[in-house]
Amino acid sequence: MTTPSVKAQMPKSVMLALVGVGVQAVLNLAAGGLLSAVVNDAADHGRDKGPGCSGS
């Protein structure tokens, strides 16, 4: 058993990985929000089809 006075420390590489995952999560949320706003704006203006699609 470990003694209560010994404090376990997280390795630096694990901490950097957690920070990287956090940054990635924030960037994914921002990109998703931006994409959603662009799609909603296009739908509001009657442009339901993507670029390069014919109107027929």
N, C-alpha and C. Protein backbone atom coordinates (compact mmCIF):
# COMPACT_ATOMS: atom_id res chain seq x y z
N MET A 1 0.84 -1.20 0.00
CA MET A 1 0.00 0.00 0.00
C MET A 1 0.87 1.24 0.00
N THR A 2 0.34 2.28 -0.59
CA THR A 2 1.07 3.54 -0.59
C THR A 2 0.69 4.33 0.64
N THR A 3 1.62 5.11 1.08
CA THR A 3 1.33 5.95 2.25
C THR A 3 0.55 7.18 1.80
N PRO A 4 -0.31 7.69 2.65
CA PRO A 4 -1.12 8.85 2.27
C PRO A 4 -0.30 10.10 1.95
N SER A 5 0.92 10.18 2.47
CA SER A 5 1.72 11.38 2.25
C SER A 5 2.39 11.40 0.87
N VAL A 6 2.42 10.24 0.20
CA VAL A 6 3.02 10.18 -1.13
C VAL A 6 1.97 10.59 -2.16
N LYS A 7 2.30 11.62 -2.93
CA LYS A 7 1.35 12.16 -3.92
C LYS A 7 1.74 11.65 -5.30
N ALA A 8 0.79 11.00 -5.96
CA ALA A 8 1.04 10.50 -7.31
C ALA A 8 1.01 11.66 -8.30
N GLN A 9 1.98 11.67 -9.20
CA GLN A 9 2.04 12.74 -10.19
C GLN A 9 1.83 12.16 -11.58
N MET A 10 1.11 12.92 -12.39
CA MET A 10 0.84 12.50 -13.76
C MET A 10 2.09 12.78 -14.61
N PRO A 11 2.47 11.82 -15.45
CA PRO A 11 3.62 12.08 -16.32
C PRO A 11 3.36 13.26 -17.27
N LYS A 12 4.44 13.94 -17.64
CA LYS A 12 4.31 15.13 -18.49
C LYS A 12 3.68 14.79 -19.83
N SER A 13 4.02 13.63 -20.39
CA SER A 13 3.47 13.26 -21.70
C SER A 13 1.96 13.04 -21.62
N VAL A 14 1.49 12.51 -20.51
CA VAL A 14 0.04 12.30 -20.35
C VAL A 14 -0.66 13.64 -20.21
N MET A 15 -0.06 14.56 -19.47
CA MET A 15 -0.66 15.89 -19.31
C MET A 15 -0.72 16.61 -20.66
N LEU A 16 0.35 16.51 -21.46
CA LEU A 16 0.33 17.14 -22.78
C LEU A 16 -0.72 16.51 -23.68
N ALA A 17 -0.91 15.21 -23.57
CA ALA A 17 -1.94 14.54 -24.37
C ALA A 17 -3.33 15.02 -23.96
N LEU A 18 -3.56 15.19 -22.68
CA LEU A 18 -4.86 15.68 -22.21
C LEU A 18 -5.11 17.11 -22.68
N VAL A 19 -4.09 17.93 -22.66
CA VAL A 19 -4.24 19.31 -23.15
C VAL A 19 -4.55 19.29 -24.65
N GLY A 20 -3.86 18.43 -25.39
CA GLY A 20 -4.11 18.31 -26.82
C GLY A 20 -5.53 17.86 -27.12
N VAL A 21 -6.04 16.92 -26.36
CA VAL A 21 -7.41 16.45 -26.55
C VAL A 21 -8.40 17.57 -26.23
N GLY A 22 -8.11 18.34 -25.20
CA GLY A 22 -8.98 19.47 -24.86
C GLY A 22 -9.01 20.52 -25.94
N VAL A 23 -7.84 20.85 -26.49
CA VAL A 23 -7.77 21.83 -27.58
C VAL A 23 -8.51 21.31 -28.80
N GLN A 24 -8.34 20.04 -29.11
CA GLN A 24 -9.03 19.44 -30.26
C GLN A 24 -10.55 19.50 -30.07
N ALA A 25 -11.02 19.24 -28.85
CA ALA A 25 -12.46 19.29 -28.58
C ALA A 25 -13.01 20.70 -28.79
N VAL A 26 -12.29 21.70 -28.33
CA VAL A 26 -12.75 23.09 -28.50
C VAL A 26 -12.77 23.46 -29.98
N LEU A 27 -11.74 23.08 -30.71
CA LEU A 27 -11.70 23.38 -32.15
C LEU A 27 -12.81 22.65 -32.90
N ASN A 28 -13.11 21.41 -32.51
CA ASN A 28 -14.20 20.68 -33.16
C ASN A 28 -15.54 21.34 -32.90
N LEU A 29 -15.76 21.81 -31.68
CA LEU A 29 -17.01 22.51 -31.37
C LEU A 29 -17.13 23.80 -32.19
N ALA A 30 -16.04 24.54 -32.30
CA ALA A 30 -16.06 25.79 -33.07
C ALA A 30 -16.33 25.50 -34.55
N ALA A 31 -15.66 24.51 -35.10
CA ALA A 31 -15.86 24.18 -36.52
C ALA A 31 -17.29 23.68 -36.76
N GLY A 32 -17.82 22.89 -35.85
CA GLY A 32 -19.19 22.40 -35.99
C GLY A 32 -20.20 23.53 -35.93
N GLY A 33 -19.98 24.47 -35.04
CA GLY A 33 -20.87 25.63 -34.95
C GLY A 33 -20.81 26.49 -36.19
N LEU A 34 -19.61 26.69 -36.71
CA LEU A 34 -19.45 27.49 -37.93
C LEU A 34 -20.11 26.80 -39.12
N LEU A 35 -19.90 25.51 -39.26
CA LEU A 35 -20.51 24.76 -40.36
C LEU A 35 -22.03 24.77 -40.25
N SER A 36 -22.54 24.61 -39.05
CA SER A 36 -23.99 24.64 -38.84
C SER A 36 -24.56 26.01 -39.21
N ALA A 37 -23.86 27.08 -38.85
CA ALA A 37 -24.33 28.42 -39.19
C ALA A 37 -24.34 28.64 -40.70
N VAL A 38 -23.33 28.16 -41.39
CA VAL A 38 -23.26 28.32 -42.85
C VAL A 38 -24.38 27.53 -43.52
N VAL A 39 -24.61 26.31 -43.07
CA VAL A 39 -25.67 25.48 -43.67
C VAL A 39 -27.04 26.09 -43.39
N ASN A 40 -27.27 26.56 -42.18
CA ASN A 40 -28.55 27.19 -41.86
C ASN A 40 -28.78 28.45 -42.68
N ASP A 41 -27.73 29.24 -42.88
CA ASP A 41 -27.85 30.45 -43.68
C ASP A 41 -28.18 30.10 -45.13
N ALA A 42 -27.53 29.07 -45.66
CA ALA A 42 -27.81 28.65 -47.03
C ALA A 42 -29.25 28.14 -47.16
N ALA A 43 -29.71 27.40 -46.19
CA ALA A 43 -31.08 26.88 -46.24
C ALA A 43 -32.10 28.01 -46.13
N ASP A 44 -31.79 29.02 -45.34
CA ASP A 44 -32.70 30.17 -45.20
C ASP A 44 -32.84 30.95 -46.50
N HIS A 45 -31.83 30.89 -47.34
CA HIS A 45 -31.86 31.63 -48.60
C HIS A 45 -32.18 30.74 -49.79
N GLY A 46 -32.69 29.55 -49.54
CA GLY A 46 -33.16 28.68 -50.61
C GLY A 46 -32.07 27.93 -51.34
N ARG A 47 -30.87 27.92 -50.82
CA ARG A 47 -29.78 27.19 -51.47
C ARG A 47 -29.57 25.87 -50.75
N ASP A 48 -30.45 24.91 -51.05
CA ASP A 48 -30.39 23.62 -50.36
C ASP A 48 -29.33 22.70 -50.93
N LYS A 49 -28.96 22.90 -52.20
CA LYS A 49 -27.97 22.03 -52.82
C LYS A 49 -26.57 22.60 -52.63
N GLY A 50 -25.60 21.72 -52.62
CA GLY A 50 -24.22 22.13 -52.44
C GLY A 50 -23.65 22.79 -53.68
N PRO A 51 -22.45 23.31 -53.59
CA PRO A 51 -21.84 23.95 -54.76
C PRO A 51 -21.58 22.94 -55.87
N GLY A 52 -21.81 23.36 -57.10
CA GLY A 52 -21.58 22.49 -58.24
C GLY A 52 -22.76 21.64 -58.64
N CYS A 53 -23.83 21.69 -57.88
CA CYS A 53 -25.03 20.91 -58.20
C CYS A 53 -25.91 21.73 -59.15
N SER A 54 -26.53 21.05 -60.07
CA SER A 54 -27.40 21.74 -61.01
C SER A 54 -28.73 22.03 -60.32
N GLY A 55 -29.46 23.00 -60.83
CA GLY A 55 -30.72 23.39 -60.22
C GLY A 55 -31.87 22.48 -60.57
N SER A 56 -31.72 21.54 -61.48
CA SER A 56 -32.84 20.70 -61.87
C SER A 56 -32.91 19.44 -61.06
